[in-house]
Amino acid sequence: MANDIRVCDKCNHVRIKTIVPKLQKLAPDAEIRVGCKSYCGPCARYAFIFINGRYVKAASEDEAIEKIKPYVKK
């Protein structure tokens, strides 16, 4: 089953141009959706990624990618 990954294009702590290629490398079969996730409170303070039904937040984009690794379906 493919991974469902979503990132917010309004988030102050991630850059879409850099995070999407990193996510594609981590999960090549993933469906990556970019757009507002209506998660504005945490989005203003943290980098976050929505993966397979879970919100994962971190201080930086790279830390968020490290934190989602256990949730990536193989």
PDB file of N, CA and C in Angstrom:
ATOM      1  N   MET A   1       0.833  -1.178   0.000  1.00  0.00           N
ATOM      2  CA  MET A   1       0.000   0.000   0.000  1.00  0.00           C
ATOM      3  C   MET A   1       0.883   1.249   0.000  1.00  0.00           C
ATOM      4  N   ALA A   2       0.530   2.203  -0.793  1.00  0.00           N
ATOM      5  CA  ALA A   2       1.303   3.432  -0.917  1.00  0.00           C
ATOM      6  C   ALA A   2       1.160   4.292   0.338  1.00  0.00           C
ATOM      7  N   ASN A   3       2.186   5.056   0.595  1.00  0.00           N
ATOM      8  CA  ASN A   3       2.176   5.991   1.713  1.00  0.00           C
ATOM      9  C   ASN A   3       1.415   7.254   1.316  1.00  0.00           C
ATOM     10  N   ASP A   4       0.700   7.812   2.273  1.00  0.00           N
ATOM     11  CA  ASP A   4      -0.016   9.068   2.082  1.00  0.00           C
ATOM     12  C   ASP A   4       0.724  10.131   2.875  1.00  0.00           C
ATOM     13  N   ILE A   5       1.388  11.040   2.180  1.00  0.00           N
ATOM     14  CA  ILE A   5       2.180  12.079   2.826  1.00  0.00           C
ATOM     15  C   ILE A   5       1.631  13.433   2.391  1.00  0.00           C
ATOM     16  N   ARG A   6       1.441  14.315   3.376  1.00  0.00           N
ATOM     17  CA  ARG A   6       0.907  15.644   3.089  1.00  0.00           C
ATOM     18  C   ARG A   6       1.761  16.688   3.802  1.00  0.00           C
ATOM     19  N   VAL A   7       2.062  17.754   3.097  1.00  0.00           N
ATOM     20  CA  VAL A   7       2.808  18.867   3.685  1.00  0.00           C
ATOM     21  C   VAL A   7       2.095  20.168   3.343  1.00  0.00           C
ATOM     22  N   CYS A   8       2.245  21.139   4.216  1.00  0.00           N
ATOM     23  CA  CYS A   8       1.587  22.425   4.039  1.00  0.00           C
ATOM     24  C   CYS A   8       2.500  23.382   3.273  1.00  0.00           C
ATOM     25  N   ASP A   9       1.950  24.023   2.263  1.00  0.00           N
ATOM     26  CA  ASP A   9       2.739  24.981   1.498  1.00  0.00           C
ATOM     27  C   ASP A   9       2.800  26.358   2.164  1.00  0.00           C
ATOM     28  N   LYS A  10       2.081  26.531   3.257  1.00  0.00           N
ATOM     29  CA  LYS A  10       2.098  27.797   3.999  1.00  0.00           C
ATOM     30  C   LYS A  10       2.978  27.734   5.243  1.00  0.00           C
ATOM     31  N   CYS A  11       3.479  26.544   5.577  1.00  0.00           N
ATOM     32  CA  CYS A  11       4.284  26.345   6.782  1.00  0.00           C
ATOM     33  C   CYS A  11       5.550  27.197   6.728  1.00  0.00           C
ATOM     34  N   ASN A  12       5.857  27.844   7.844  1.00  0.00           N
ATOM     35  CA  ASN A  12       7.037  28.705   7.921  1.00  0.00           C
ATOM     36  C   ASN A  12       8.338  27.932   8.114  1.00  0.00           C
ATOM     37  N   HIS A  13       8.250  26.652   8.414  1.00  0.00           N
ATOM     38  CA  HIS A  13       9.434  25.883   8.792  1.00  0.00           C
ATOM     39  C   HIS A  13       9.861  24.827   7.774  1.00  0.00           C
ATOM     40  N   VAL A  14       9.185  24.737   6.665  1.00  0.00           N
ATOM     41  CA  VAL A  14       9.599  23.822   5.593  1.00  0.00           C
ATOM     42  C   VAL A  14       9.589  24.568   4.267  1.00  0.00           C
ATOM     43  N   ARG A  15      10.444  24.127   3.380  1.00  0.00           N
ATOM     44  CA  ARG A  15      10.476  24.671   2.024  1.00  0.00           C
ATOM     45  C   ARG A  15      10.032  23.556   1.092  1.00  0.00           C
ATOM     46  N   ILE A  16       8.981  23.791   0.355  1.00  0.00           N
ATOM     47  CA  ILE A  16       8.412  22.776  -0.530  1.00  0.00           C
ATOM     48  C   ILE A  16       9.444  22.304  -1.545  1.00  0.00           C
ATOM     49  N   LYS A  17      10.259  23.218  -2.056  1.00  0.00           N
ATOM     50  CA  LYS A  17      11.263  22.852  -3.064  1.00  0.00           C
ATOM     51  C   LYS A  17      12.297  21.871  -2.532  1.00  0.00           C
ATOM     52  N   THR A  18      12.553  21.870  -1.228  1.00  0.00           N
ATOM     53  CA  THR A  18      13.546  20.946  -0.669  1.00  0.00           C
ATOM     54  C   THR A  18      12.919  19.722  -0.015  1.00  0.00           C
ATOM     55  N   ILE A  19      11.741  19.885   0.588  1.00  0.00           N
ATOM     56  CA  ILE A  19      11.171  18.760   1.332  1.00  0.00           C
ATOM     57  C   ILE A  19      10.571  17.697   0.415  1.00  0.00           C
ATOM     58  N   VAL A  20       9.942  18.101  -0.683  1.00  0.00           N
ATOM     59  CA  VAL A  20       9.299  17.120  -1.567  1.00  0.00           C
ATOM     60  C   VAL A  20      10.317  16.133  -2.146  1.00  0.00           C
ATOM     61  N   PRO A  21      11.475  16.575  -2.661  1.00  0.00           N
ATOM     62  CA  PRO A  21      12.457  15.589  -3.150  1.00  0.00           C
ATOM     63  C   PRO A  21      12.957  14.649  -2.051  1.00  0.00           C
ATOM     64  N   LYS A  22      13.112  15.163  -0.833  1.00  0.00           N
ATOM     65  CA  LYS A  22      13.549  14.306   0.284  1.00  0.00           C
ATOM     66  C   LYS A  22      12.492  13.253   0.603  1.00  0.00           C
ATOM     67  N   LEU A  23      11.230  13.653   0.566  1.00  0.00           N
ATOM     68  CA  LEU A  23      10.145  12.707   0.833  1.00  0.00           C
ATOM     69  C   LEU A  23      10.032  11.671  -0.283  1.00  0.00           C
ATOM     70  N   GLN A  24      10.221  12.097  -1.531  1.00  0.00           N
ATOM     71  CA  GLN A  24      10.176  11.157  -2.657  1.00  0.00           C
ATOM     72  C   GLN A  24      11.296  10.132  -2.562  1.00  0.00           C
ATOM     73  N   LYS A  25      12.451  10.547  -2.097  1.00  0.00           N
ATOM     74  CA  LYS A  25      13.577   9.622  -1.926  1.00  0.00           C
ATOM     75  C   LYS A  25      13.290   8.632  -0.796  1.00  0.00           C
ATOM     76  N   LEU A  26      12.688   9.114   0.282  1.00  0.00           N
ATOM     77  CA  LEU A  26      12.374   8.274   1.435  1.00  0.00           C
ATOM     78  C   LEU A  26      11.281   7.258   1.117  1.00  0.00           C
ATOM     79  N   ALA A  27      10.270   7.701   0.380  1.00  0.00           N
ATOM     80  CA  ALA A  27       9.134   6.833   0.047  1.00  0.00           C
ATOM     81  C   ALA A  27       8.759   7.037  -1.420  1.00  0.00           C
ATOM     82  N   PRO A  28       9.441   6.336  -2.332  1.00  0.00           N
ATOM     83  CA  PRO A  28       9.205   6.537  -3.764  1.00  0.00           C
ATOM     84  C   PRO A  28       7.771   6.250  -4.221  1.00  0.00           C
ATOM     85  N   ASP A  29       7.060   5.385  -3.514  1.00  0.00           N
ATOM     86  CA  ASP A  29       5.689   5.037  -3.904  1.00  0.00           C
ATOM     87  C   ASP A  29       4.640   5.972  -3.309  1.00  0.00           C
ATOM     88  N   ALA A  30       5.087   6.962  -2.555  1.00  0.00           N
ATOM     89  CA  ALA A  30       4.160   7.821  -1.815  1.00  0.00           C
ATOM     90  C   ALA A  30       3.373   8.762  -2.713  1.00  0.00           C
ATOM     91  N   GLU A  31       2.161   9.026  -2.268  1.00  0.00           N
ATOM     92  CA  GLU A  31       1.367  10.088  -2.877  1.00  0.00           C
ATOM     93  C   GLU A  31       1.589  11.304  -1.991  1.00  0.00           C
ATOM     94  N   ILE A  32       2.313  12.289  -2.506  1.00  0.00           N
ATOM     95  CA  ILE A  32       2.654  13.484  -1.738  1.00  0.00           C
ATOM     96  C   ILE A  32       1.734  14.616  -2.170  1.00  0.00           C
ATOM     97  N   ARG A  33       0.957  15.098  -1.219  1.00  0.00           N
ATOM     98  CA  ARG A  33       0.028  16.193  -1.500  1.00  0.00           C
ATOM     99  C   ARG A  33       0.537  17.455  -0.811  1.00  0.00           C
ATOM    100  N   VAL A  34       0.524  18.544  -1.549  1.00  0.00           N
ATOM    101  CA  VAL A  34       0.987  19.825  -1.022  1.00  0.00           C
ATOM    102  C   VAL A  34      -0.191  20.779  -0.979  1.00  0.00           C
ATOM    103  N   GLY A  35      -0.416  21.381   0.180  1.00  0.00           N
ATOM    104  CA  GLY A  35      -1.502  22.338   0.342  1.00  0.00           C
ATOM    105  C   GLY A  35      -1.776  22.574   1.810  1.00  0.00           C
ATOM    106  N   CYS A  36      -2.597  23.549   2.106  1.00  0.00           N
ATOM    107  CA  CYS A  36      -2.932  23.881   3.489  1.00  0.00           C
ATOM    108  C   CYS A  36      -3.627  22.692   4.156  1.00  0.00           C
ATOM    109  N   LYS A  37      -3.221  22.385   5.365  1.00  0.00           N
ATOM    110  CA  LYS A  37      -3.796  21.268   6.114  1.00  0.00           C
ATOM    111  C   LYS A  37      -4.684  21.733   7.263  1.00  0.00           C
ATOM    112  N   SER A  38      -4.949  23.054   7.348  1.00  0.00           N
ATOM    113  CA  SER A  38      -5.769  23.626   8.426  1.00  0.00           C
ATOM    114  C   SER A  38      -5.229  23.227   9.795  1.00  0.00           C
ATOM    115  N   TYR A  39      -3.929  23.311   9.925  1.00  0.00           N
ATOM    116  CA  TYR A  39      -3.220  22.949  11.154  1.00  0.00           C
ATOM    117  C   TYR A  39      -2.357  24.151  11.546  1.00  0.00           C
ATOM    118  N   CYS A  40      -2.961  25.340  11.452  1.00  0.00           N
ATOM    119  CA  CYS A  40      -2.228  26.601  11.487  1.00  0.00           C
ATOM    120  C   CYS A  40      -1.509  26.906  12.804  1.00  0.00           C
ATOM    121  N   GLY A  41      -2.049  26.515  13.921  1.00  0.00           N
ATOM    122  CA  GLY A  41      -1.378  26.785  15.203  1.00  0.00           C
ATOM    123  C   GLY A  41      -0.004  26.143  15.260  1.00  0.00           C
ATOM    124  N   PRO A  42       0.075  24.820  15.211  1.00  0.00           N
ATOM    125  CA  PRO A  42       1.375  24.147  15.217  1.00  0.00           C
ATOM    126  C   PRO A  42       2.222  24.476  13.988  1.00  0.00           C
ATOM    127  N   CYS A  43       1.586  24.705  12.864  1.00  0.00           N
ATOM    128  CA  CYS A  43       2.306  25.002  11.625  1.00  0.00           C
ATOM    129  C   CYS A  43       3.127  26.287  11.760  1.00  0.00           C
ATOM    130  N   ALA A  44       2.640  27.224  12.542  1.00  0.00           N
ATOM    131  CA  ALA A  44       3.351  28.487  12.736  1.00  0.00           C
ATOM    132  C   ALA A  44       4.573  28.324  13.629  1.00  0.00           C
ATOM    133  N   ARG A  45       4.609  27.242  14.416  1.00  0.00           N
ATOM    134  CA  ARG A  45       5.702  27.048  15.384  1.00  0.00           C
ATOM    135  C   ARG A  45       6.659  25.915  15.044  1.00  0.00           C
ATOM    136  N   TYR A  46       6.213  24.939  14.257  1.00  0.00           N
ATOM    137  CA  TYR A  46       7.009  23.748  13.996  1.00  0.00           C
ATOM    138  C   TYR A  46       6.949  23.353  12.521  1.00  0.00           C
ATOM    139  N   ALA A  47       7.936  22.594  12.115  1.00  0.00           N
ATOM    140  CA  ALA A  47       7.844  21.901  10.831  1.00  0.00           C
ATOM    141  C   ALA A  47       6.972  20.685  11.083  1.00  0.00           C
ATOM    142  N   PHE A  48       6.066  20.386  10.175  1.00  0.00           N
ATOM    143  CA  PHE A  48       5.272  19.188  10.377  1.00  0.00           C
ATOM    144  C   PHE A  48       4.991  18.493   9.057  1.00  0.00           C
ATOM    145  N   ILE A  49       4.780  17.189   9.178  1.00  0.00           N
ATOM    146  CA  ILE A  49       4.442  16.338   8.040  1.00  0.00           C
ATOM    147  C   ILE A  49       3.301  15.439   8.497  1.00  0.00           C
ATOM    148  N   PHE A  50       2.294  15.309   7.661  1.00  0.00           N
ATOM    149  CA  PHE A  50       1.181  14.400   7.909  1.00  0.00           C
ATOM    150  C   PHE A  50       1.484  13.136   7.113  1.00  0.00           C
ATOM    151  N   ILE A  51       1.643  12.008   7.801  1.00  0.00           N
ATOM    152  CA  ILE A  51       1.968  10.752   7.120  1.00  0.00           C
ATOM    153  C   ILE A  51       1.068   9.635   7.622  1.00  0.00           C
ATOM    154  N   ASN A  52       0.370   9.029   6.693  1.00  0.00           N
ATOM    155  CA  ASN A  52      -0.471   7.864   6.983  1.00  0.00           C
ATOM    156  C   ASN A  52      -1.360   8.063   8.217  1.00  0.00           C
ATOM    157  N   GLY A  53      -1.996   9.233   8.310  1.00  0.00           N
ATOM    158  CA  GLY A  53      -2.931   9.491   9.392  1.00  0.00           C
ATOM    159  C   GLY A  53      -2.334  10.086  10.646  1.00  0.00           C
ATOM    160  N   ARG A  54      -1.033  10.381  10.652  1.00  0.00           N
ATOM    161  CA  ARG A  54      -0.384  10.935  11.843  1.00  0.00           C
ATOM    162  C   ARG A  54       0.262  12.280  11.518  1.00  0.00           C
ATOM    163  N   TYR A  55       0.121  13.213  12.432  1.00  0.00           N
ATOM    164  CA  TYR A  55       0.869  14.458  12.339  1.00  0.00           C
ATOM    165  C   TYR A  55       2.170  14.278  13.094  1.00  0.00           C
ATOM    166  N   VAL A  56       3.273  14.595  12.447  1.00  0.00           N
ATOM    167  CA  VAL A  56       4.585  14.512  13.077  1.00  0.00           C
ATOM    168  C   VAL A  56       5.178  15.910  13.027  1.00  0.00           C
ATOM    169  N   LYS A  57       5.582  16.430  14.191  1.00  0.00           N
ATOM    170  CA  LYS A  57       6.144  17.774  14.229  1.00  0.00           C
ATOM    171  C   LYS A  57       7.576  17.725  14.742  1.00  0.00           C
ATOM    172  N   ALA A  58       8.347  18.732  14.354  1.00  0.00           N
ATOM    173  CA  ALA A  58       9.745  18.809  14.760  1.00  0.00           C
ATOM    174  C   ALA A  58      10.214  20.251  14.638  1.00  0.00           C
ATOM    175  N   ALA A  59      11.386  20.513  15.159  1.00  0.00           N
ATOM    176  CA  ALA A  59      11.939  21.867  15.134  1.00  0.00           C
ATOM    177  C   ALA A  59      12.395  22.282  13.742  1.00  0.00           C
ATOM    178  N   SER A  60      12.782  21.313  12.915  1.00  0.00           N
ATOM    179  CA  SER A  60      13.274  21.635  11.573  1.00  0.00           C
ATOM    180  C   SER A  60      12.752  20.625  10.557  1.00  0.00           C
ATOM    181  N   GLU A  61      12.911  20.977   9.300  1.00  0.00           N
ATOM    182  CA  GLU A  61      12.488  20.098   8.205  1.00  0.00           C
ATOM    183  C   GLU A  61      13.221  18.753   8.251  1.00  0.00           C
ATOM    184  N   ASP A  62      14.537  18.791   8.433  1.00  0.00           N
ATOM    185  CA  ASP A  62      15.317  17.549   8.463  1.00  0.00           C
ATOM    186  C   ASP A  62      14.960  16.673   9.661  1.00  0.00           C
ATOM    187  N   GLU A  63      14.713  17.299  10.797  1.00  0.00           N
ATOM    188  CA  GLU A  63      14.316  16.536  11.979  1.00  0.00           C
ATOM    189  C   GLU A  63      12.937  15.896  11.770  1.00  0.00           C
ATOM    190  N   ALA A  64      12.042  16.596  11.110  1.00  0.00           N
ATOM    191  CA  ALA A  64      10.713  16.044  10.821  1.00  0.00           C
ATOM    192  C   ALA A  64      10.827  14.818   9.913  1.00  0.00           C
ATOM    193  N   ILE A  65      11.700  14.890   8.932  1.00  0.00           N
ATOM    194  CA  ILE A  65      11.900  13.747   8.035  1.00  0.00           C
ATOM    195  C   ILE A  65      12.453  12.553   8.799  1.00  0.00           C
ATOM    196  N   GLU A  66      13.359  12.791   9.718  1.00  0.00           N
ATOM    197  CA  GLU A  66      13.883  11.692  10.544  1.00  0.00           C
ATOM    198  C   GLU A  66      12.778  11.073  11.397  1.00  0.00           C
ATOM    199  N   LYS A  67      11.908  11.907  11.943  1.00  0.00           N
ATOM    200  CA  LYS A  67      10.840  11.418  12.811  1.00  0.00           C
ATOM    201  C   LYS A  67       9.772  10.611  12.074  1.00  0.00           C
ATOM    202  N   ILE A  68       9.584  10.839  10.773  1.00  0.00           N
ATOM    203  CA  ILE A  68       8.541  10.095  10.056  1.00  0.00           C
ATOM    204  C   ILE A  68       9.017   8.726   9.585  1.00  0.00           C
ATOM    205  N   LYS A  69      10.307   8.477   9.609  1.00  0.00           N
ATOM    206  CA  LYS A  69      10.842   7.202   9.090  1.00  0.00           C
ATOM    207  C   LYS A  69      10.149   5.976   9.676  1.00  0.00           C
ATOM    208  N   PRO A  70       9.846   5.919  10.968  1.00  0.00           N
ATOM    209  CA  PRO A  70       9.157   4.722  11.497  1.00  0.00           C
ATOM    210  C   PRO A  70       7.741   4.531  10.948  1.00  0.00           C
ATOM    211  N   TYR A  71       7.139   5.578  10.414  1.00  0.00           N
ATOM    212  CA  TYR A  71       5.760   5.508   9.934  1.00  0.00           C
ATOM    213  C   TYR A  71       5.659   5.245   8.426  1.00  0.00           C
ATOM    214  N   VAL A  72       6.797   5.161   7.760  1.00  0.00           N
ATOM    215  CA  VAL A  72       6.790   4.889   6.316  1.00  0.00           C
ATOM    216  C   VAL A  72       6.512   3.407   6.107  1.00  0.00           C
ATOM    217  N   LYS A  73       5.483   3.110   5.330  1.00  0.00           N
ATOM    218  CA  LYS A  73       5.154   1.718   5.011  1.00  0.00           C
ATOM    219  C   LYS A  73       6.121   1.207   3.964  1.00  0.00           C
ATOM    220  N   LYS A  74       6.656   0.047   4.198  1.00  0.00           N
ATOM    221  CA  LYS A  74       7.606  -0.574   3.254  1.00  0.00           C
ATOM    222  C   LYS A  74       6.901  -1.393   2.226  1.00  0.00           C
TER     223      LYS A  74
END
